[in-house]
Amino acid sequence: MYASIEVDSAHWKNRGDDTMIDSRKIGAYISKLRKEKDLTQVELADKLNISHQAISKWERGESLPDITTIPVIAHVFDVSIDLLMNAGVDKMDHSKQLGKIVQHLSEDKPEEVAHLINSGSAQVNELVDIAPIIKSSQLSKVSKKMNTNVWDVDSIVHLAPFLQTEALDELVIEAAKKAIDCKLIQRIAPFVSAHTLNTIADQLLNKSTEPMELLDLAPFLEEEYLNDMLLKVSTGKITWRFITEMAPFVSDTALSALVLQEMKNPLNEEKILPLAPFLEEETIDQLILIAGGRGSWTFIQKMVPFIGEETLNTLVDKAVDGDIELKELSELAPFLEEEAIERLLARIDPNRLSPEFLAKLAPFMGESSLGNMVKQLLKTK
């Protein structure tokens, strides 16, 4: 029994190519031919050994006959396959090989189709036109036998959803040997294997320490690959700027491990700062404790919008104990909870309080805290 192929007409309309097959026009043409033969849908269905529902769907443009059915339909109506596929229009400006391509495919002769294209008798775009009605396995066999010089970017993009992954991988790898077109690869990335995408990414990384083209592929690369890539920053194979650009696509765990390792070197503090929006709060808190231990207060001040409440409270406690200067703590005032400020004023030695310090705290204090502050000022007098 012959089958039908459901057609996504919207996909093909987006090609902007008026030579493509049109399921609605072909369906209308089949309907016209059937009526000229004075056949009912049921009678035509019997001749084709299919259901009359399939005929109805063809004529409404909801589906197309499969590749093996088309030559039979052409024979029943005594028209050429080309004329049938072009919905009755004799396109003089279009290649006359479409019928041969369909015939060869219906006979499962993919090598003959490849020969037509390799010899220049047929064009790749004719294969693209009928891709929706070709089995993926058949289309892949054809592509593997086609010469690399007959392919163009547009054809690869439009055939990508219909090719088997292995066949598409071969096309992409071959194309990448000449030049890596990341815009092309981005468009077909959902259909390419992870292994091939990793191979392309490796080529880009080997060429530059800041392969910004890789950002186009990042959403499609495996997380494990991206995580391993972070390790290259310590050897200078990629830059911190590039890591920052890639941060949204890297796992929190891998990014945290990287910054905690690199934070051991004080010279890396400025490099880590741009990564703050992508770090987990727990990681940021650990970075703050490391920075506080070596007096890197500038780093802490720049990181303060991302510091958790618990760590801020720890810094307040350190200020009370004298491990942190009050001048430094005052820079964090906009981010301190009122309760933390009250605890600071209640516990700290009044003699350490200066008018300048209290003035910086005042805008962020409630009435109760302000009252305590006045009391502390009176004590100092």
Protein backbone atom coordinates (compact mmCIF):
# COMPACT_ATOMS: atom_id res chain seq x y z
CA MET A 1 0.00 0.00 0.00
CA TYR A 2 1.26 3.45 -0.86
CA ALA A 3 1.63 6.11 1.77
CA SER A 4 1.26 9.85 2.09
CA ILE A 5 3.68 12.41 3.46
CA GLU A 6 2.46 15.21 5.71
CA VAL A 7 3.91 18.50 4.51
CA ASP A 8 4.96 21.53 6.55
CA SER A 9 4.15 24.12 3.92
CA ALA A 10 5.22 27.02 6.15
CA HIS A 11 8.79 25.70 6.22
CA TRP A 12 9.03 25.74 2.46
CA LYS A 13 7.33 29.10 2.00
CA ASN A 14 10.12 30.62 4.08
CA ARG A 15 12.64 29.59 1.46
CA GLY A 16 11.47 32.35 -0.82
CA ASP A 17 11.86 30.03 -3.82
CA ASP A 18 9.03 29.78 -6.37
CA THR A 19 10.42 26.53 -7.82
CA MET A 20 9.62 24.43 -4.79
CA ILE A 21 6.84 21.90 -4.81
CA ASP A 22 3.53 23.23 -3.57
CA SER A 23 1.30 20.62 -1.95
CA ARG A 24 -1.84 22.66 -2.52
CA LYS A 25 -1.17 23.21 -6.21
CA ILE A 26 -0.19 19.58 -6.73
CA GLY A 27 -3.30 18.49 -4.87
CA ALA A 28 -5.49 20.71 -7.02
CA TYR A 29 -3.81 19.34 -10.14
CA ILE A 30 -4.41 15.74 -9.05
CA SER A 31 -8.05 16.65 -8.46
CA LYS A 32 -8.25 18.19 -11.95
CA LEU A 33 -6.69 15.12 -13.57
CA ARG A 34 -9.00 12.79 -11.64
CA LYS A 35 -12.08 14.67 -12.78
CA GLU A 36 -10.86 14.72 -16.37
CA LYS A 37 -10.61 10.93 -16.17
CA ASP A 38 -14.09 10.90 -14.62
CA LEU A 39 -12.82 8.97 -11.60
CA THR A 40 -14.15 9.20 -8.08
CA GLN A 41 -11.72 9.45 -5.20
CA VAL A 42 -12.59 5.87 -4.31
CA GLU A 43 -11.91 4.65 -7.87
CA LEU A 44 -8.56 6.42 -7.99
CA ALA A 45 -7.71 5.04 -4.58
CA ASP A 46 -8.42 1.51 -5.84
CA LYS A 47 -6.08 2.02 -8.80
CA LEU A 48 -3.32 3.22 -6.47
CA ASN A 49 -4.08 0.66 -3.75
CA ILE A 50 -4.52 3.32 -1.09
CA SER A 51 -7.40 4.69 0.95
CA HIS A 52 -9.75 7.29 -0.49
CA GLN A 53 -8.97 9.40 2.61
CA ALA A 54 -5.39 9.72 1.33
CA ILE A 55 -6.67 11.00 -2.02
CA SER A 56 -8.85 13.52 -0.19
CA LYS A 57 -5.88 14.80 1.84
CA TRP A 58 -3.78 15.18 -1.32
CA GLU A 59 -6.46 17.16 -3.08
CA ARG A 60 -6.86 19.46 -0.06
CA GLY A 61 -3.11 20.05 -0.01
CA GLU A 62 -2.72 18.55 3.46
CA SER A 63 -0.25 15.91 2.33
CA LEU A 64 1.68 14.69 -0.69
CA PRO A 65 2.02 11.23 -2.18
CA ASP A 66 5.21 9.49 -1.13
CA ILE A 67 8.07 9.12 -3.59
CA THR A 68 7.05 5.64 -4.75
CA THR A 69 3.47 6.70 -5.45
CA ILE A 70 4.20 9.70 -7.66
CA PRO A 71 5.36 7.73 -10.75
CA VAL A 72 2.27 5.52 -10.46
CA ILE A 73 -0.03 8.56 -10.33
CA ALA A 74 1.74 10.05 -13.37
CA HIS A 75 1.25 6.76 -15.22
CA VAL A 76 -2.46 6.54 -14.30
CA PHE A 77 -3.08 10.05 -15.62
CA ASP A 78 -0.65 9.69 -18.55
CA VAL A 79 1.40 12.77 -17.65
CA SER A 80 5.10 13.21 -17.00
CA ILE A 81 6.40 13.21 -13.44
CA ASP A 82 7.80 16.70 -14.07
CA LEU A 83 4.38 17.99 -15.07
CA LEU A 84 2.77 16.36 -12.04
CA MET A 85 5.35 17.77 -9.62
CA ASN A 86 5.00 21.23 -11.15
CA ALA A 87 1.20 21.06 -10.81
CA GLY A 88 0.59 21.05 -14.56
CA VAL A 89 2.88 23.97 -15.36
CA ASP A 90 5.55 23.36 -17.98
CA LYS A 91 8.43 25.34 -16.49
CA MET A 92 10.78 25.97 -19.38
CA ASP A 93 13.28 27.80 -17.16
CA HIS A 94 13.47 24.93 -14.70
CA SER A 95 15.56 21.79 -15.03
CA LYS A 96 13.78 18.85 -16.62
CA GLN A 97 15.46 16.35 -14.30
CA LEU A 98 12.97 16.48 -11.44
CA GLY A 99 11.02 13.61 -12.96
CA LYS A 100 14.17 11.52 -13.30
CA ILE A 101 15.12 12.23 -9.70
CA VAL A 102 11.72 11.08 -8.47
CA GLN A 103 11.81 8.03 -10.74
CA HIS A 104 15.26 6.97 -9.51
CA LEU A 105 14.26 7.46 -5.90
CA SER A 106 11.05 5.49 -6.37
CA GLU A 107 13.24 2.65 -7.68
CA ASP A 108 15.64 3.07 -4.74
CA LYS A 109 18.58 4.18 -6.89
CA PRO A 110 20.15 7.01 -4.88
CA GLU A 111 23.45 6.68 -6.74
CA GLU A 112 21.68 7.62 -9.99
CA VAL A 113 20.30 10.76 -8.39
CA ALA A 114 23.76 11.70 -7.14
CA HIS A 115 25.15 11.15 -10.64
CA LEU A 116 22.58 13.51 -12.15
CA ILE A 117 23.60 16.23 -9.71
CA ASN A 118 27.35 15.59 -9.89
CA SER A 119 27.26 15.74 -13.69
CA GLY A 120 25.39 19.02 -13.66
CA SER A 121 22.31 17.55 -15.32
CA ALA A 122 20.28 18.30 -12.19
CA GLN A 123 20.62 20.90 -9.47
CA VAL A 124 20.82 20.43 -5.71
CA ASN A 125 17.82 22.73 -5.28
CA GLU A 126 15.66 20.15 -7.09
CA LEU A 127 16.56 17.67 -4.37
CA VAL A 128 15.75 20.32 -1.78
CA ASP A 129 12.36 20.90 -3.40
CA ILE A 130 11.22 17.32 -2.89
CA ALA A 131 13.01 16.59 0.41
CA PRO A 132 9.73 16.38 2.39
CA ILE A 133 8.65 13.33 0.41
CA ILE A 134 12.00 11.51 0.48
CA LYS A 135 12.87 9.07 3.23
CA SER A 136 15.70 10.27 5.42
CA SER A 137 17.70 7.12 4.68
CA GLN A 138 17.36 7.62 0.92
CA LEU A 139 18.22 11.30 1.04
CA SER A 140 21.29 10.54 3.15
CA LYS A 141 22.48 7.92 0.65
CA VAL A 142 22.20 10.49 -2.12
CA SER A 143 24.07 13.16 -0.16
CA LYS A 144 26.95 10.80 0.66
CA LYS A 145 27.53 10.15 -3.05
CA MET A 146 27.36 13.80 -4.09
CA ASN A 147 30.56 15.72 -4.75
CA THR A 148 31.45 18.35 -2.18
CA ASN A 149 31.68 21.09 -4.82
CA VAL A 150 27.97 20.86 -5.70
CA TRP A 151 26.82 21.88 -2.22
CA ASP A 152 26.01 25.43 -1.19
CA VAL A 153 25.12 26.84 2.21
CA ASP A 154 21.44 27.32 1.43
CA SER A 155 21.03 23.71 0.31
CA ILE A 156 22.69 22.32 3.42
CA VAL A 157 20.49 24.46 5.67
CA HIS A 158 17.26 23.39 3.99
CA LEU A 159 18.15 19.71 3.82
CA ALA A 160 19.37 19.55 7.43
CA PRO A 161 15.98 18.61 8.96
CA PHE A 162 15.61 15.73 6.50
CA LEU A 163 19.11 14.23 6.49
CA GLN A 164 20.23 11.55 8.90
CA THR A 165 22.60 12.94 11.51
CA GLU A 166 25.60 10.99 10.23
CA ALA A 167 25.14 12.28 6.67
CA LEU A 168 24.72 15.87 7.85
CA ASP A 169 27.80 15.53 10.06
CA GLU A 170 29.87 14.52 7.05
CA LEU A 171 28.70 17.58 5.12
CA VAL A 172 29.48 19.92 8.00
CA ILE A 173 32.91 18.45 8.71
CA GLU A 174 33.81 18.63 5.02
CA ALA A 175 32.65 22.24 4.78
CA ALA A 176 34.60 23.14 7.93
CA LYS A 177 37.84 21.96 6.30
CA LYS A 178 37.65 24.99 4.02
CA ALA A 179 36.22 27.58 6.38
CA ILE A 180 34.02 27.49 9.45
CA ASP A 181 30.79 29.35 8.84
CA CYS A 182 29.39 29.67 12.36
CA LYS A 183 26.20 31.32 11.14
CA LEU A 184 25.57 28.26 8.97
CA ILE A 185 26.39 25.85 11.78
CA GLN A 186 24.17 27.77 14.18
CA ARG A 187 21.22 27.36 11.81
CA ILE A 188 21.67 23.60 11.53
CA ALA A 189 23.06 22.92 15.01
CA PRO A 190 19.86 21.24 16.32
CA PHE A 191 20.32 18.54 13.68
CA VAL A 192 24.10 18.01 14.03
CA SER A 193 25.62 15.53 16.48
CA ALA A 194 27.27 16.73 19.68
CA HIS A 195 30.53 15.12 18.58
CA THR A 196 30.62 17.17 15.37
CA LEU A 197 29.78 20.40 17.18
CA ASN A 198 32.58 19.68 19.65
CA THR A 199 34.97 19.13 16.74
CA ILE A 200 34.02 22.48 15.21
CA ALA A 201 34.40 24.18 18.59
CA ASP A 202 37.87 22.66 19.02
CA GLN A 203 38.91 24.07 15.65
CA LEU A 204 37.79 27.53 16.71
CA LEU A 205 39.55 27.27 20.08
CA ASN A 206 42.78 26.21 18.40
CA LYS A 207 42.73 29.30 16.21
CA SER A 208 42.10 31.95 18.87
CA THR A 209 42.09 32.59 22.61
CA GLU A 210 38.90 34.61 22.11
CA PRO A 211 36.85 32.71 19.50
CA MET A 212 33.76 34.87 19.85
CA GLU A 213 32.17 32.98 16.94
CA LEU A 214 31.81 30.11 19.38
CA LEU A 215 29.13 32.09 21.20
CA ASP A 216 26.77 31.31 18.33
CA LEU A 217 27.22 27.59 19.01
CA ALA A 218 27.29 27.72 22.82
CA PRO A 219 23.55 27.01 23.31
CA PHE A 220 23.98 23.77 21.35
CA LEU A 221 27.23 22.50 22.90
CA GLU A 222 27.16 19.87 25.62
CA GLU A 223 27.52 21.22 29.15
CA GLU A 224 30.34 18.78 29.83
CA TYR A 225 32.30 20.15 26.88
CA LEU A 226 31.79 23.74 28.02
CA ASN A 227 32.82 22.83 31.57
CA ASP A 228 36.04 21.23 30.35
CA MET A 229 36.72 24.29 28.23
CA LEU A 230 36.96 26.43 31.38
CA LEU A 231 40.14 24.62 32.36
CA LYS A 232 41.92 26.22 29.41
CA VAL A 233 41.88 29.64 31.08
CA SER A 234 44.58 28.63 33.56
CA THR A 235 46.91 27.71 30.69
CA GLY A 236 46.20 30.90 28.79
CA LYS A 237 44.49 29.10 25.89
CA ILE A 238 41.37 31.20 26.39
CA THR A 239 40.90 34.62 27.96
CA TRP A 240 38.87 35.66 30.99
CA ARG A 241 36.87 37.94 28.72
CA PHE A 242 35.85 34.93 26.67
CA ILE A 243 34.94 32.99 29.83
CA THR A 244 32.69 35.86 30.88
CA GLU A 245 30.88 35.78 27.52
CA MET A 246 30.41 32.01 27.81
CA ALA A 247 29.33 32.08 31.47
CA PRO A 248 25.55 31.88 30.82
CA PHE A 249 26.05 28.50 29.14
CA VAL A 250 28.38 26.92 31.72
CA SER A 251 27.20 24.98 34.76
CA ASP A 252 27.19 26.73 38.14
CA THR A 253 29.34 23.96 39.61
CA ALA A 254 32.08 24.26 36.98
CA LEU A 255 32.13 28.05 37.13
CA SER A 256 32.31 27.98 40.93
CA ALA A 257 35.20 25.51 40.87
CA LEU A 258 37.08 27.73 38.43
CA VAL A 259 36.76 31.00 40.36
CA LEU A 260 37.56 29.42 43.72
CA GLN A 261 40.70 27.92 42.24
CA GLU A 262 41.75 31.13 40.50
CA MET A 263 40.91 33.27 43.55
CA LYS A 264 44.01 31.84 45.22
CA ASN A 265 45.95 34.33 43.12
CA PRO A 266 45.08 37.93 44.17
CA LEU A 267 45.89 39.08 40.64
CA ASN A 268 42.79 37.27 39.38
CA GLU A 269 40.32 39.23 41.52
CA GLU A 270 39.52 41.80 38.84
CA LYS A 271 39.09 39.03 36.27
CA ILE A 272 36.56 37.25 38.47
CA LEU A 273 34.38 40.32 39.09
CA PRO A 274 32.48 40.19 35.74
CA LEU A 275 31.44 36.62 36.55
CA ALA A 276 29.60 37.64 39.73
CA PRO A 277 26.09 37.68 38.16
CA PHE A 278 26.55 34.03 37.14
CA LEU A 279 27.91 32.70 40.44
CA GLU A 280 25.93 30.98 43.16
CA GLU A 281 25.53 32.91 46.40
CA GLU A 282 27.46 30.25 48.30
CA THR A 283 30.42 30.66 45.93
CA ILE A 284 30.35 34.44 46.25
CA ASP A 285 30.32 34.13 50.02
CA GLN A 286 33.42 31.92 49.89
CA LEU A 287 35.15 34.44 47.62
CA ILE A 288 34.35 37.24 50.07
CA LEU A 289 35.81 35.32 52.99
CA ILE A 290 38.99 34.67 50.99
CA ALA A 291 39.24 38.34 50.00
CA GLY A 292 38.54 39.48 53.55
CA GLY A 293 41.28 37.23 54.86
CA ARG A 294 43.88 39.03 52.81
CA GLY A 295 42.39 42.52 53.08
CA SER A 296 41.13 42.81 49.51
CA TRP A 297 38.48 45.32 50.46
CA THR A 298 38.15 46.85 47.01
CA PHE A 299 37.11 43.44 45.68
CA ILE A 300 34.55 43.03 48.47
CA GLN A 301 33.05 46.47 47.81
CA LYS A 302 32.59 45.65 44.12
CA MET A 303 31.03 42.28 44.92
CA VAL A 304 28.67 43.55 47.62
CA PRO A 305 25.48 43.59 45.45
CA PHE A 306 25.84 39.81 45.15
CA ILE A 307 26.80 38.99 48.75
CA GLY A 308 24.33 37.01 50.85
CA GLU A 309 22.85 38.36 54.08
CA GLU A 310 24.64 35.79 56.23
CA THR A 311 28.04 36.79 54.89
CA LEU A 312 27.24 40.48 55.31
CA ASN A 313 26.40 39.73 58.94
CA THR A 314 29.75 37.97 59.27
CA LEU A 315 31.48 41.11 58.00
CA VAL A 316 29.58 43.18 60.57
CA ASP A 317 30.78 40.82 63.32
CA LYS A 318 34.34 41.19 62.07
CA ALA A 319 33.97 44.97 62.23
CA VAL A 320 32.77 44.69 65.84
CA ASP A 321 35.79 42.53 66.67
CA GLY A 322 38.12 45.03 65.03
CA ASP A 323 39.14 42.76 62.15
CA ILE A 324 37.61 45.20 59.66
CA GLU A 325 37.91 48.97 59.73
CA LEU A 326 34.60 50.81 60.21
CA LYS A 327 35.44 53.05 57.28
CA GLU A 328 35.49 49.99 55.05
CA LEU A 329 32.26 48.64 56.49
CA SER A 330 30.50 51.96 55.93
CA GLU A 331 30.84 51.42 52.17
CA LEU A 332 28.51 48.44 52.55
CA ALA A 333 25.81 50.42 54.41
CA PRO A 334 23.26 50.44 51.51
CA PHE A 335 23.28 46.63 51.54
CA LEU A 336 23.13 46.02 55.30
CA GLU A 337 19.92 44.95 56.99
CA GLU A 338 18.62 47.35 59.67
CA GLU A 339 18.93 44.53 62.19
CA ALA A 340 22.62 44.15 61.34
CA ILE A 341 23.20 47.87 61.84
CA GLU A 342 21.42 47.75 65.21
CA ARG A 343 23.55 44.81 66.28
CA LEU A 344 26.67 46.69 65.24
CA LEU A 345 25.76 49.79 67.25
CA ALA A 346 24.74 47.75 70.28
CA ARG A 347 27.98 45.75 70.44
CA ILE A 348 30.69 48.07 69.20
CA ASP A 349 32.96 50.15 71.42
CA PRO A 350 31.44 53.68 71.33
CA ASN A 351 34.93 55.17 71.21
CA ARG A 352 35.40 53.67 67.73
CA LEU A 353 32.39 55.50 66.32
CA SER A 354 33.03 58.66 64.35
CA PRO A 355 30.51 61.23 63.12
CA GLU A 356 31.54 60.42 59.55
CA PHE A 357 30.83 56.71 60.03
CA LEU A 358 27.46 57.33 61.68
CA ALA A 359 26.48 59.81 58.97
CA LYS A 360 27.00 57.10 56.35
CA LEU A 361 24.84 54.66 58.31
CA ALA A 362 22.03 57.11 59.11
CA PRO A 363 20.13 56.98 55.75
CA PHE A 364 19.71 53.22 56.12
CA MET A 365 18.55 53.15 59.74
CA GLY A 366 15.06 53.02 61.24
CA GLU A 367 13.86 55.15 64.15
CA SER A 368 14.98 52.58 66.70
CA SER A 369 18.44 52.40 65.18
CA LEU A 370 18.72 56.16 65.03
CA GLY A 371 17.79 56.33 68.72
CA ASN A 372 20.54 53.87 69.55
CA MET A 373 22.96 55.89 67.46
CA VAL A 374 22.16 59.05 69.44
CA LYS A 375 22.74 57.13 72.66
CA GLN A 376 26.10 55.97 71.37
CA LEU A 377 27.05 59.51 70.45
CA LEU A 378 26.12 60.68 73.95
CA LYS A 379 28.27 57.94 75.43
CA THR A 380 31.25 59.14 73.42
CA LYS A 381 30.77 62.58 74.93
